PDB file of N, CA and C in Angstrom:
ATOM      1  N   UNK A   1      34.125  28.187-111.762  1.00  0.00           N
ATOM      2  CA  UNK A   1      34.552  27.740-113.061  1.00  0.00           C
ATOM      3  C   UNK A   1      34.080  26.302-113.248  1.00  0.00           C
ATOM      4  N   UNK A   2      33.603  26.017-114.436  1.00  0.00           N
ATOM      5  CA  UNK A   2      33.086  24.700-114.754  1.00  0.00           C
ATOM      6  C   UNK A   2      33.787  24.180-116.005  1.00  0.00           C
ATOM      7  N   UNK A   3      34.109  22.898-116.008  1.00  0.00           N
ATOM      8  CA  UNK A   3      34.724  22.284-117.181  1.00  0.00           C
ATOM      9  C   UNK A   3      33.645  21.556-117.971  1.00  0.00           C
ATOM     10  N   UNK A   4      33.565  21.847-119.267  1.00  0.00           N
ATOM     11  CA  UNK A   4      32.550  21.236-120.120  1.00  0.00           C
ATOM     12  C   UNK A   4      33.177  20.748-121.423  1.00  0.00           C
ATOM     13  N   UNK A   5      32.548  19.780-122.027  1.00  0.00           N
ATOM     14  CA  UNK A   5      32.943  19.346-123.365  1.00  0.00           C
ATOM     15  C   UNK A   5      32.215  20.229-124.379  1.00  0.00           C
ATOM     16  N   UNK A   6      32.822  20.377-125.551  1.00  0.00           N
ATOM     17  CA  UNK A   6      32.201  21.199-126.583  1.00  0.00           C
ATOM     18  C   UNK A   6      30.988  20.546-127.213  1.00  0.00           C
ATOM     19  N   UNK A   7      30.937  19.216-127.164  1.00  0.00           N
ATOM     20  CA  UNK A   7      29.835  18.491-127.762  1.00  0.00           C
ATOM     21  C   UNK A   7      29.242  17.530-126.738  1.00  0.00           C
ATOM     22  N   UNK A   8      27.971  17.227-126.906  1.00  0.00           N
ATOM     23  CA  UNK A   8      27.339  16.193-126.081  1.00  0.00           C
ATOM     24  C   UNK A   8      27.857  14.832-126.541  1.00  0.00           C
ATOM     25  N   UNK A   9      27.835  13.855-125.658  1.00  0.00           N
ATOM     26  CA  UNK A   9      28.331  12.517-126.001  1.00  0.00           C
ATOM     27  C   UNK A   9      27.665  11.967-127.257  1.00  0.00           C
ATOM     28  N   UNK A  10      26.390  12.246-127.429  1.00  0.00           N
ATOM     29  CA  UNK A  10      25.665  11.716-128.591  1.00  0.00           C
ATOM     30  C   UNK A  10      26.165  12.313-129.910  1.00  0.00           C
ATOM     31  N   UNK A  11      26.878  13.440-129.859  1.00  0.00           N
ATOM     32  CA  UNK A  11      27.343  14.120-131.065  1.00  0.00           C
ATOM     33  C   UNK A  11      28.742  13.696-131.518  1.00  0.00           C
ATOM     34  N   UNK A  12      29.450  12.917-130.709  1.00  0.00           N
ATOM     35  CA  UNK A  12      30.828  12.595-131.041  1.00  0.00           C
ATOM     36  C   UNK A  12      30.977  11.671-132.241  1.00  0.00           C
ATOM     37  N   UNK A  13      29.971  10.882-132.577  1.00  0.00           N
ATOM     38  CA  UNK A  13      30.070  10.049-133.768  1.00  0.00           C
ATOM     39  C   UNK A  13      30.171  10.939-135.007  1.00  0.00           C
ATOM     40  N   UNK A  14      29.313  11.927-135.107  1.00  0.00           N
ATOM     41  CA  UNK A  14      29.365  12.853-136.238  1.00  0.00           C
ATOM     42  C   UNK A  14      30.634  13.701-136.193  1.00  0.00           C
ATOM     43  N   UNK A  15      31.022  14.155-135.011  1.00  0.00           N
ATOM     44  CA  UNK A  15      32.231  14.950-134.857  1.00  0.00           C
ATOM     45  C   UNK A  15      33.455  14.165-135.319  1.00  0.00           C
ATOM     46  N   UNK A  16      33.559  12.897-134.942  1.00  0.00           N
ATOM     47  CA  UNK A  16      34.691  12.064-135.338  1.00  0.00           C
ATOM     48  C   UNK A  16      34.715  11.874-136.853  1.00  0.00           C
ATOM     49  N   UNK A  17      33.557  11.699-137.445  1.00  0.00           N
ATOM     50  CA  UNK A  17      33.473  11.536-138.906  1.00  0.00           C
ATOM     51  C   UNK A  17      33.955  12.792-139.617  1.00  0.00           C
ATOM     52  N   UNK A  18      33.477  13.949-139.195  1.00  0.00           N
ATOM     53  CA  UNK A  18      33.863  15.222-139.818  1.00  0.00           C
ATOM     54  C   UNK A  18      35.345  15.498-139.601  1.00  0.00           C
ATOM     55  N   UNK A  19      35.819  15.284-138.380  1.00  0.00           N
ATOM     56  CA  UNK A  19      37.235  15.511-138.064  1.00  0.00           C
ATOM     57  C   UNK A  19      38.127  14.593-138.895  1.00  0.00           C
ATOM     58  N   UNK A  20      37.743  13.333-139.037  1.00  0.00           N
ATOM     59  CA  UNK A  20      38.511  12.387-139.830  1.00  0.00           C
ATOM     60  C   UNK A  20      38.570  12.773-141.298  1.00  0.00           C
ATOM     61  N   UNK A  21      37.451  13.231-141.834  1.00  0.00           N
ATOM     62  CA  UNK A  21      37.429  13.676-143.224  1.00  0.00           C
ATOM     63  C   UNK A  21      38.283  14.929-143.415  1.00  0.00           C
ATOM     64  N   UNK A  22      38.177  15.868-142.500  1.00  0.00           N
ATOM     65  CA  UNK A  22      38.925  17.118-142.604  1.00  0.00           C
ATOM     66  C   UNK A  22      40.433  16.886-142.505  1.00  0.00           C
ATOM     67  N   UNK A  23      40.825  15.962-141.648  1.00  0.00           N
ATOM     68  CA  UNK A  23      42.250  15.706-141.425  1.00  0.00           C
ATOM     69  C   UNK A  23      42.766  14.543-142.271  1.00  0.00           C
ATOM     70  N   UNK A  24      41.892  13.963-143.088  1.00  0.00           N
ATOM     71  CA  UNK A  24      42.221  12.843-143.967  1.00  0.00           C
ATOM     72  C   UNK A  24      42.904  11.704-143.215  1.00  0.00           C
ATOM     73  N   UNK A  25      42.276  11.293-142.123  1.00  0.00           N
ATOM     74  CA  UNK A  25      42.778  10.169-141.333  1.00  0.00           C
ATOM     75  C   UNK A  25      41.610   9.497-140.641  1.00  0.00           C
ATOM     76  N   UNK A  26      41.814   8.254-140.271  1.00  0.00           N
ATOM     77  CA  UNK A  26      40.813   7.520-139.494  1.00  0.00           C
ATOM     78  C   UNK A  26      40.945   7.945-138.040  1.00  0.00           C
ATOM     79  N   UNK A  27      39.829   8.204-137.412  1.00  0.00           N
ATOM     80  CA  UNK A  27      39.841   8.584-135.997  1.00  0.00           C
ATOM     81  C   UNK A  27      38.643   7.937-135.319  1.00  0.00           C
ATOM     82  N   UNK A  28      38.889   7.356-134.163  1.00  0.00           N
ATOM     83  CA  UNK A  28      37.805   6.714-133.424  1.00  0.00           C
ATOM     84  C   UNK A  28      37.026   7.774-132.643  1.00  0.00           C
ATOM     85  N   UNK A  29      35.838   7.407-132.234  1.00  0.00           N
ATOM     86  CA  UNK A  29      35.028   8.320-131.427  1.00  0.00           C
ATOM     87  C   UNK A  29      35.740   8.634-130.119  1.00  0.00           C
ATOM     88  N   UNK A  30      36.354   7.621-129.521  1.00  0.00           N
ATOM     89  CA  UNK A  30      37.080   7.826-128.263  1.00  0.00           C
ATOM     90  C   UNK A  30      38.253   8.781-128.457  1.00  0.00           C
ATOM     91  N   UNK A  31      39.001   8.595-129.542  1.00  0.00           N
ATOM     92  CA  UNK A  31      40.142   9.475-129.813  1.00  0.00           C
ATOM     93  C   UNK A  31      39.669  10.906-130.070  1.00  0.00           C
ATOM     94  N   UNK A  32      38.587  11.073-130.808  1.00  0.00           N
ATOM     95  CA  UNK A  32      38.055  12.410-131.071  1.00  0.00           C
ATOM     96  C   UNK A  32      37.647  13.087-129.770  1.00  0.00           C
ATOM     97  N   UNK A  33      37.005  12.333-128.886  1.00  0.00           N
ATOM     98  CA  UNK A  33      36.581  12.872-127.601  1.00  0.00           C
ATOM     99  C   UNK A  33      37.797  13.268-126.761  1.00  0.00           C
ATOM    100  N   UNK A  34      38.817  12.417-126.755  1.00  0.00           N
ATOM    101  CA  UNK A  34      40.023  12.711-125.984  1.00  0.00           C
ATOM    102  C   UNK A  34      40.777  13.916-126.534  1.00  0.00           C
ATOM    103  N   UNK A  35      40.883  14.014-127.864  1.00  0.00           N
ATOM    104  CA  UNK A  35      41.583  15.138-128.474  1.00  0.00           C
ATOM    105  C   UNK A  35      40.822  16.441-128.292  1.00  0.00           C
ATOM    106  N   UNK A  36      39.508  16.351-128.245  1.00  0.00           N
ATOM    107  CA  UNK A  36      38.684  17.540-128.073  1.00  0.00           C
ATOM    108  C   UNK A  36      38.839  18.104-126.670  1.00  0.00           C
ATOM    109  N   UNK A  37      38.956  17.232-125.691  1.00  0.00           N
ATOM    110  CA  UNK A  37      39.187  17.655-124.315  1.00  0.00           C
ATOM    111  C   UNK A  37      38.041  18.451-123.717  1.00  0.00           C
ATOM    112  N   UNK A  38      38.393  19.254-122.755  1.00  0.00           N
ATOM    113  CA  UNK A  38      37.427  20.065-122.031  1.00  0.00           C
ATOM    114  C   UNK A  38      37.738  21.539-122.228  1.00  0.00           C
ATOM    115  N   UNK A  39      36.750  22.367-122.044  1.00  0.00           N
ATOM    116  CA  UNK A  39      36.942  23.811-122.031  1.00  0.00           C
ATOM    117  C   UNK A  39      36.444  24.312-120.685  1.00  0.00           C
ATOM    118  N   UNK A  40      37.124  25.295-120.150  1.00  0.00           N
ATOM    119  CA  UNK A  40      36.698  25.876-118.886  1.00  0.00           C
ATOM    120  C   UNK A  40      35.827  27.083-119.173  1.00  0.00           C
ATOM    121  N   UNK A  41      34.703  27.141-118.496  1.00  0.00           N
ATOM    122  CA  UNK A  41      33.845  28.309-118.613  1.00  0.00           C
ATOM    123  C   UNK A  41      33.728  28.935-117.235  1.00  0.00           C
ATOM    124  N   UNK A  42      33.673  30.227-117.209  1.00  0.00           N
ATOM    125  CA  UNK A  42      33.559  30.939-115.944  1.00  0.00           C
ATOM    126  C   UNK A  42      32.081  31.155-115.653  1.00  0.00           C
ATOM    127  N   UNK A  43      31.682  30.738-114.482  1.00  0.00           N
ATOM    128  CA  UNK A  43      30.288  30.906-114.084  1.00  0.00           C
ATOM    129  C   UNK A  43      30.229  31.851-112.906  1.00  0.00           C
ATOM    130  N   UNK A  44      29.195  32.626-112.885  1.00  0.00           N
ATOM    131  CA  UNK A  44      29.017  33.575-111.791  1.00  0.00           C
ATOM    132  C   UNK A  44      27.587  33.472-111.287  1.00  0.00           C
ATOM    133  N   UNK A  45      27.441  33.431-109.994  1.00  0.00           N
ATOM    134  CA  UNK A  45      26.110  33.380-109.407  1.00  0.00           C
ATOM    135  C   UNK A  45      25.623  34.781-109.038  1.00  0.00           C
ATOM    136  N   UNK A  46      26.456  35.774-109.228  1.00  0.00           N
ATOM    137  CA  UNK A  46      26.101  37.138-108.822  1.00  0.00           C
ATOM    138  C   UNK A  46      24.925  37.688-109.603  1.00  0.00           C
ATOM    139  N   UNK A  47      24.784  37.303-110.869  1.00  0.00           N
ATOM    140  CA  UNK A  47      23.720  37.861-111.713  1.00  0.00           C
ATOM    141  C   UNK A  47      22.552  36.906-111.881  1.00  0.00           C
ATOM    142  N   UNK A  48      22.512  35.834-111.130  1.00  0.00           N
ATOM    143  CA  UNK A  48      21.402  34.890-111.244  1.00  0.00           C
ATOM    144  C   UNK A  48      20.298  35.280-110.270  1.00  0.00           C
ATOM    145  N   UNK A  49      19.124  34.825-110.572  1.00  0.00           N
ATOM    146  CA  UNK A  49      17.993  35.116-109.700  1.00  0.00           C
ATOM    147  C   UNK A  49      17.043  36.103-110.359  1.00  0.00           C
ATOM    148  N   UNK A  50      16.172  36.681-109.589  1.00  0.00           N
ATOM    149  CA  UNK A  50      15.178  37.585-110.163  1.00  0.00           C
ATOM    150  C   UNK A  50      15.814  38.953-110.429  1.00  0.00           C
ATOM    151  N   UNK A  51      15.332  39.586-111.462  1.00  0.00           N
ATOM    152  CA  UNK A  51      15.819  40.929-111.778  1.00  0.00           C
ATOM    153  C   UNK A  51      14.668  41.906-111.611  1.00  0.00           C
ATOM    154  N   UNK A  52      15.053  43.108-111.218  1.00  0.00           N
ATOM    155  CA  UNK A  52      14.052  44.129-111.245  1.00  0.00           C
ATOM    156  C   UNK A  52      13.595  44.634-110.001  1.00  0.00           C
TER     157      UNK A  52
END
């Protein structure tokens, strides 16, 4: 299992702007990043490699 952010760091400025407009409040890039948090994705190595 791997923890990832939904957006790359370079995208949080735009994300914070959109989130602030949608929620009608001022939000900093840091706050947007913190509120967004992480998502866990399940990774499996069983199906990696050559096929066939």
